Amino acid sequence: MPSWLGYQHLCGTHLKIRMISYRVCVLAALFSLLIITLIPTTQSADCCLKFTQRPVHCRWLKGYTFQDITSSCDLNAVIFQNRRNKFVCADPSQDWTKRVQRCLRKRQEKKSQLKKRV
């Protein structure tokens, strides 16, 4: 086709648009990689944000851990783990929380004593 019909101009414009699209895709991919690499360095810890209002019975639980106030967690908490591997946050100053902790400690002591006998 003759160049005076503008065919070369259209092809050049189309090529420029494709190059811009390619650059945008490359920049988006690089930006995504940057975000992915930065996320693990920030502390996105699983923290208790509030406490359960209902007491949990010891028989439904298999253990507990403590959450201390840190830069990423705002509450001191006892985190109970139930038998279905779900977690329940409890106020460590509540009487029922202390009672359940004692129950779980006693259960653990009994298990360790049974293992010593065998």
N, C-alpha and C. Protein backbone atom coordinates (compact mmCIF):
# COMPACT_ATOMS: atom_id res chain seq x y z
N MET A 1 0.84 -1.18 0.00
CA MET A 1 0.00 0.00 0.00
C MET A 1 0.88 1.24 0.00
N PRO A 2 0.43 2.24 -0.65
CA PRO A 2 1.21 3.47 -0.68
C PRO A 2 1.23 4.15 0.68
N SER A 3 2.34 4.79 0.96
CA SER A 3 2.49 5.45 2.25
C SER A 3 1.61 6.67 2.38
N TRP A 4 1.20 7.24 1.28
CA TRP A 4 0.39 8.44 1.34
C TRP A 4 -1.03 8.15 1.81
N LEU A 5 -1.43 6.86 1.86
CA LEU A 5 -2.76 6.52 2.39
C LEU A 5 -2.76 6.46 3.91
N GLY A 6 -1.62 6.58 4.51
CA GLY A 6 -1.53 6.59 5.97
C GLY A 6 -1.40 5.21 6.59
N TYR A 7 -1.18 4.20 5.78
CA TYR A 7 -1.07 2.84 6.29
C TYR A 7 0.11 2.71 7.24
N GLN A 8 1.25 3.27 6.84
CA GLN A 8 2.42 3.17 7.71
C GLN A 8 2.20 3.94 9.01
N HIS A 9 1.49 5.04 8.93
CA HIS A 9 1.20 5.82 10.13
C HIS A 9 0.33 5.00 11.09
N LEU A 10 -0.66 4.30 10.56
CA LEU A 10 -1.52 3.47 11.40
C LEU A 10 -0.75 2.32 12.02
N CYS A 11 0.11 1.72 11.24
CA CYS A 11 0.92 0.61 11.77
C CYS A 11 1.85 1.11 12.86
N GLY A 12 2.44 2.27 12.67
CA GLY A 12 3.32 2.83 13.68
C GLY A 12 2.57 3.15 14.95
N THR A 13 1.38 3.71 14.83
CA THR A 13 0.57 4.03 16.00
C THR A 13 0.17 2.75 16.74
N HIS A 14 -0.22 1.75 15.98
CA HIS A 14 -0.59 0.47 16.58
C HIS A 14 0.59 -0.14 17.32
N LEU A 15 1.77 -0.04 16.74
CA LEU A 15 2.97 -0.56 17.38
C LEU A 15 3.29 0.19 18.66
N LYS A 16 3.11 1.52 18.65
CA LYS A 16 3.36 2.31 19.85
C LYS A 16 2.39 1.93 20.97
N ILE A 17 1.13 1.71 20.62
CA ILE A 17 0.13 1.32 21.62
C ILE A 17 0.49 -0.04 22.21
N ARG A 18 0.92 -0.96 21.37
CA ARG A 18 1.32 -2.29 21.87
C ARG A 18 2.53 -2.19 22.78
N MET A 19 3.49 -1.33 22.44
CA MET A 19 4.68 -1.16 23.27
C MET A 19 4.31 -0.54 24.62
N ILE A 20 3.39 0.44 24.60
CA ILE A 20 2.95 1.05 25.86
C ILE A 20 2.23 0.02 26.72
N SER A 21 1.38 -0.80 26.10
CA SER A 21 0.67 -1.85 26.84
C SER A 21 1.66 -2.84 27.44
N TYR A 22 2.67 -3.19 26.68
CA TYR A 22 3.70 -4.11 27.16
C TYR A 22 4.43 -3.51 28.36
N ARG A 23 4.79 -2.23 28.27
CA ARG A 23 5.49 -1.57 29.38
C ARG A 23 4.61 -1.51 30.62
N VAL A 24 3.33 -1.22 30.43
CA VAL A 24 2.41 -1.17 31.57
C VAL A 24 2.32 -2.55 32.23
N CYS A 25 2.24 -3.59 31.44
CA CYS A 25 2.19 -4.95 32.00
C CYS A 25 3.46 -5.29 32.77
N VAL A 26 4.61 -4.94 32.21
CA VAL A 26 5.88 -5.21 32.88
C VAL A 26 5.96 -4.43 34.19
N LEU A 27 5.57 -3.16 34.16
CA LEU A 27 5.59 -2.36 35.39
C LEU A 27 4.62 -2.91 36.44
N ALA A 28 3.46 -3.35 36.00
CA ALA A 28 2.49 -3.93 36.94
C ALA A 28 3.05 -5.21 37.56
N ALA A 29 3.71 -6.03 36.76
CA ALA A 29 4.30 -7.26 37.28
C ALA A 29 5.41 -6.95 38.28
N LEU A 30 6.26 -5.99 37.96
CA LEU A 30 7.34 -5.61 38.88
C LEU A 30 6.79 -5.02 40.17
N PHE A 31 5.76 -4.20 40.07
CA PHE A 31 5.14 -3.62 41.26
C PHE A 31 4.52 -4.72 42.12
N SER A 32 3.88 -5.69 41.48
CA SER A 32 3.30 -6.81 42.23
C SER A 32 4.37 -7.60 42.97
N LEU A 33 5.48 -7.86 42.31
CA LEU A 33 6.58 -8.57 42.96
C LEU A 33 7.13 -7.77 44.15
N LEU A 34 7.22 -6.47 44.00
CA LEU A 34 7.69 -5.63 45.09
C LEU A 34 6.75 -5.72 46.28
N ILE A 35 5.46 -5.64 46.04
CA ILE A 35 4.48 -5.74 47.11
C ILE A 35 4.56 -7.10 47.79
N ILE A 36 4.66 -8.16 47.01
CA ILE A 36 4.72 -9.51 47.57
C ILE A 36 5.96 -9.68 48.44
N THR A 37 7.08 -9.11 48.04
CA THR A 37 8.29 -9.26 48.84
C THR A 37 8.25 -8.41 50.10
N LEU A 38 7.52 -7.31 50.09
CA LEU A 38 7.44 -6.46 51.28
C LEU A 38 6.45 -6.97 52.31
N ILE A 39 5.44 -7.68 51.91
CA ILE A 39 4.40 -8.13 52.84
C ILE A 39 4.97 -9.00 53.96
N PRO A 40 5.80 -10.00 53.69
CA PRO A 40 6.31 -10.81 54.81
C PRO A 40 7.16 -10.03 55.80
N THR A 41 7.77 -8.93 55.39
CA THR A 41 8.60 -8.18 56.31
C THR A 41 7.76 -7.35 57.27
N THR A 42 6.56 -6.99 56.88
CA THR A 42 5.68 -6.30 57.81
C THR A 42 5.00 -7.34 58.67
N GLN A 43 4.77 -7.00 59.91
CA GLN A 43 4.18 -7.97 60.81
C GLN A 43 2.67 -7.97 60.64
N SER A 44 2.17 -8.98 60.01
CA SER A 44 0.73 -9.16 59.90
C SER A 44 0.38 -10.36 60.77
N ALA A 45 0.65 -10.21 62.05
CA ALA A 45 0.45 -11.31 62.98
C ALA A 45 -1.02 -11.56 63.22
N ASP A 46 -1.34 -12.81 63.57
CA ASP A 46 -2.69 -13.14 63.98
C ASP A 46 -2.81 -12.78 65.45
N CYS A 47 -3.54 -11.73 65.72
CA CYS A 47 -3.69 -11.24 67.09
C CYS A 47 -5.14 -11.32 67.51
N CYS A 48 -5.33 -11.50 68.80
CA CYS A 48 -6.67 -11.39 69.37
C CYS A 48 -7.02 -9.91 69.40
N LEU A 49 -8.14 -9.58 68.83
CA LEU A 49 -8.60 -8.20 68.83
C LEU A 49 -9.68 -7.96 69.88
N LYS A 50 -10.34 -9.05 70.28
CA LYS A 50 -11.36 -8.95 71.33
C LYS A 50 -11.47 -10.31 72.00
N PHE A 51 -12.12 -10.32 73.16
CA PHE A 51 -12.26 -11.55 73.94
C PHE A 51 -13.65 -12.14 73.74
N THR A 52 -13.74 -13.45 73.92
CA THR A 52 -15.04 -14.09 73.91
C THR A 52 -15.83 -13.67 75.14
N GLN A 53 -17.12 -13.56 75.00
CA GLN A 53 -17.98 -13.19 76.12
C GLN A 53 -18.48 -14.42 76.88
N ARG A 54 -18.41 -15.58 76.22
CA ARG A 54 -18.91 -16.81 76.84
C ARG A 54 -17.76 -17.67 77.32
N PRO A 55 -17.86 -18.18 78.53
CA PRO A 55 -16.85 -19.12 79.01
C PRO A 55 -16.86 -20.40 78.17
N VAL A 56 -15.69 -20.97 77.98
CA VAL A 56 -15.55 -22.21 77.22
C VAL A 56 -15.21 -23.31 78.21
N HIS A 57 -15.85 -24.47 78.05
CA HIS A 57 -15.59 -25.58 78.97
C HIS A 57 -14.29 -26.29 78.60
N CYS A 58 -13.61 -26.73 79.59
CA CYS A 58 -12.31 -27.39 79.43
C CYS A 58 -12.38 -28.62 78.54
N ARG A 59 -13.47 -29.36 78.60
CA ARG A 59 -13.55 -30.62 77.85
C ARG A 59 -13.49 -30.41 76.34
N TRP A 60 -13.85 -29.22 75.85
CA TRP A 60 -13.84 -28.95 74.42
C TRP A 60 -12.48 -28.45 73.93
N LEU A 61 -11.55 -28.27 74.84
CA LEU A 61 -10.27 -27.66 74.48
C LEU A 61 -9.13 -28.67 74.56
N LYS A 62 -8.09 -28.41 73.78
CA LYS A 62 -6.93 -29.29 73.85
C LYS A 62 -5.65 -28.57 74.24
N GLY A 63 -5.67 -27.25 74.33
CA GLY A 63 -4.47 -26.54 74.75
C GLY A 63 -4.67 -25.04 74.73
N TYR A 64 -3.62 -24.32 75.11
CA TYR A 64 -3.68 -22.86 75.10
C TYR A 64 -2.28 -22.29 74.97
N THR A 65 -2.24 -21.05 74.52
CA THR A 65 -1.00 -20.28 74.45
C THR A 65 -1.30 -18.87 74.94
N PHE A 66 -0.24 -18.09 75.11
CA PHE A 66 -0.39 -16.72 75.57
C PHE A 66 -0.05 -15.74 74.45
N GLN A 67 -0.76 -14.65 74.43
CA GLN A 67 -0.44 -13.53 73.54
C GLN A 67 -0.07 -12.35 74.42
N ASP A 68 1.13 -11.84 74.23
CA ASP A 68 1.59 -10.67 74.98
C ASP A 68 1.43 -9.43 74.12
N ILE A 69 1.37 -8.30 74.78
CA ILE A 69 1.31 -7.04 74.06
C ILE A 69 2.65 -6.83 73.36
N THR A 70 2.59 -6.65 72.05
CA THR A 70 3.78 -6.37 71.24
C THR A 70 3.45 -5.20 70.33
N SER A 71 4.35 -4.93 69.42
CA SER A 71 4.09 -3.83 68.49
C SER A 71 2.94 -4.16 67.55
N SER A 72 2.65 -5.44 67.36
CA SER A 72 1.58 -5.80 66.43
C SER A 72 0.31 -6.29 67.13
N CYS A 73 0.38 -6.60 68.42
CA CYS A 73 -0.79 -7.08 69.16
C CYS A 73 -1.06 -6.15 70.34
N ASP A 74 -2.31 -5.71 70.46
CA ASP A 74 -2.65 -4.70 71.46
C ASP A 74 -3.19 -5.27 72.77
N LEU A 75 -3.42 -6.58 72.84
CA LEU A 75 -4.04 -7.17 74.03
C LEU A 75 -3.20 -8.31 74.59
N ASN A 76 -3.15 -8.41 75.91
CA ASN A 76 -2.70 -9.64 76.54
C ASN A 76 -3.89 -10.59 76.48
N ALA A 77 -3.65 -11.82 76.06
CA ALA A 77 -4.76 -12.76 75.91
C ALA A 77 -4.28 -14.18 76.13
N VAL A 78 -5.24 -15.03 76.49
CA VAL A 78 -5.02 -16.47 76.49
C VAL A 78 -5.75 -16.98 75.26
N ILE A 79 -5.05 -17.73 74.43
CA ILE A 79 -5.65 -18.25 73.20
C ILE A 79 -5.85 -19.75 73.39
N PHE A 80 -7.11 -20.14 73.54
CA PHE A 80 -7.45 -21.55 73.69
C PHE A 80 -7.64 -22.17 72.32
N GLN A 81 -7.17 -23.42 72.19
CA GLN A 81 -7.36 -24.16 70.94
C GLN A 81 -8.34 -25.28 71.21
N ASN A 82 -9.44 -25.33 70.43
CA ASN A 82 -10.40 -26.39 70.66
C ASN A 82 -10.04 -27.63 69.86
N ARG A 83 -10.83 -28.66 70.02
CA ARG A 83 -10.50 -29.95 69.38
C ARG A 83 -10.66 -29.92 67.87
N ARG A 84 -11.33 -28.92 67.37
CA ARG A 84 -11.48 -28.76 65.91
C ARG A 84 -10.44 -27.79 65.35
N ASN A 85 -9.43 -27.49 66.15
CA ASN A 85 -8.33 -26.58 65.77
C ASN A 85 -8.80 -25.16 65.48
N LYS A 86 -9.83 -24.73 66.16
CA LYS A 86 -10.27 -23.33 66.12
C LYS A 86 -9.71 -22.65 67.36
N PHE A 87 -9.55 -21.34 67.29
CA PHE A 87 -8.94 -20.60 68.38
C PHE A 87 -9.94 -19.63 69.00
N VAL A 88 -9.88 -19.53 70.33
CA VAL A 88 -10.78 -18.66 71.09
C VAL A 88 -9.92 -17.77 71.96
N CYS A 89 -10.14 -16.48 71.87
CA CYS A 89 -9.38 -15.51 72.67
C CYS A 89 -10.11 -15.22 73.96
N ALA A 90 -9.38 -15.27 75.07
CA ALA A 90 -9.99 -15.05 76.37
C ALA A 90 -9.17 -14.05 77.17
N ASP A 91 -9.87 -13.35 78.05
CA ASP A 91 -9.25 -12.36 78.94
C ASP A 91 -8.51 -13.11 80.05
N PRO A 92 -7.19 -12.93 80.17
CA PRO A 92 -6.43 -13.67 81.18
C PRO A 92 -6.79 -13.29 82.61
N SER A 93 -7.46 -12.19 82.83
CA SER A 93 -7.81 -11.79 84.20
C SER A 93 -9.15 -12.38 84.65
N GLN A 94 -9.90 -12.99 83.76
CA GLN A 94 -11.19 -13.58 84.12
C GLN A 94 -11.00 -14.88 84.91
N ASP A 95 -11.87 -15.09 85.88
CA ASP A 95 -11.79 -16.31 86.71
C ASP A 95 -11.98 -17.57 85.88
N TRP A 96 -12.93 -17.55 84.95
CA TRP A 96 -13.17 -18.76 84.17
C TRP A 96 -11.96 -19.10 83.31
N THR A 97 -11.24 -18.10 82.84
CA THR A 97 -10.04 -18.35 82.03
C THR A 97 -8.97 -19.04 82.87
N LYS A 98 -8.78 -18.56 84.09
CA LYS A 98 -7.79 -19.18 84.99
C LYS A 98 -8.20 -20.60 85.34
N ARG A 99 -9.50 -20.81 85.55
CA ARG A 99 -10.00 -22.15 85.89
C ARG A 99 -9.76 -23.13 84.73
N VAL A 100 -10.03 -22.69 83.52
CA VAL A 100 -9.82 -23.55 82.35
C VAL A 100 -8.33 -23.82 82.15
N GLN A 101 -7.48 -22.84 82.38
CA GLN A 101 -6.04 -23.06 82.29
C GLN A 101 -5.59 -24.13 83.29
N ARG A 102 -6.09 -24.05 84.53
CA ARG A 102 -5.76 -25.07 85.54
C ARG A 102 -6.21 -26.44 85.08
N CYS A 103 -7.42 -26.52 84.56
CA CYS A 103 -7.95 -27.79 84.08
C CYS A 103 -7.06 -28.38 82.99
N LEU A 104 -6.65 -27.56 82.04
CA LEU A 104 -5.80 -28.05 80.95
C LEU A 104 -4.42 -28.45 81.45
N ARG A 105 -3.88 -27.71 82.42
CA ARG A 105 -2.58 -28.08 83.01
C ARG A 105 -2.68 -29.43 83.71
N LYS A 106 -3.75 -29.63 84.48
CA LYS A 106 -3.94 -30.91 85.18
C LYS A 106 -4.07 -32.05 84.18
N ARG A 107 -4.80 -31.83 83.12
CA ARG A 107 -4.95 -32.86 82.09
C ARG A 107 -3.59 -33.20 81.49
N GLN A 108 -2.78 -32.19 81.22
CA GLN A 108 -1.45 -32.42 80.66
C GLN A 108 -0.56 -33.17 81.64
N GLU A 109 -0.66 -32.84 82.93
CA GLU A 109 0.13 -33.54 83.95
C GLU A 109 -0.26 -35.01 84.02
N LYS A 110 -1.56 -35.29 83.94
CA LYS A 110 -2.02 -36.68 83.96
C LYS A 110 -1.48 -37.45 82.77
N LYS A 111 -1.50 -36.82 81.60
CA LYS A 111 -0.97 -37.48 80.40
C LYS A 111 0.51 -37.77 80.55
N SER A 112 1.27 -36.82 81.09
CA SER A 112 2.71 -37.04 81.23
C SER A 112 3.00 -38.11 82.28
N GLN A 113 2.18 -38.20 83.33
CA GLN A 113 2.36 -39.25 84.34
C GLN A 113 2.06 -40.62 83.75
N LEU A 114 1.04 -40.71 82.91
CA LEU A 114 0.71 -41.98 82.27
C LEU A 114 1.83 -42.42 81.34
N LYS A 115 2.46 -41.50 80.66
CA LYS A 115 3.56 -41.83 79.76
C LYS A 115 4.77 -42.33 80.55
N LYS A 116 4.98 -41.78 81.75
CA LYS A 116 6.12 -42.21 82.57
C LYS A 116 5.93 -43.63 83.06
N ARG A 117 4.70 -44.04 83.31
CA ARG A 117 4.42 -45.39 83.79
C ARG A 117 4.68 -46.44 82.73
N VAL A 118 4.48 -46.09 81.49
CA VAL A 118 4.62 -47.06 80.40
C VAL A 118 6.02 -47.27 80.02
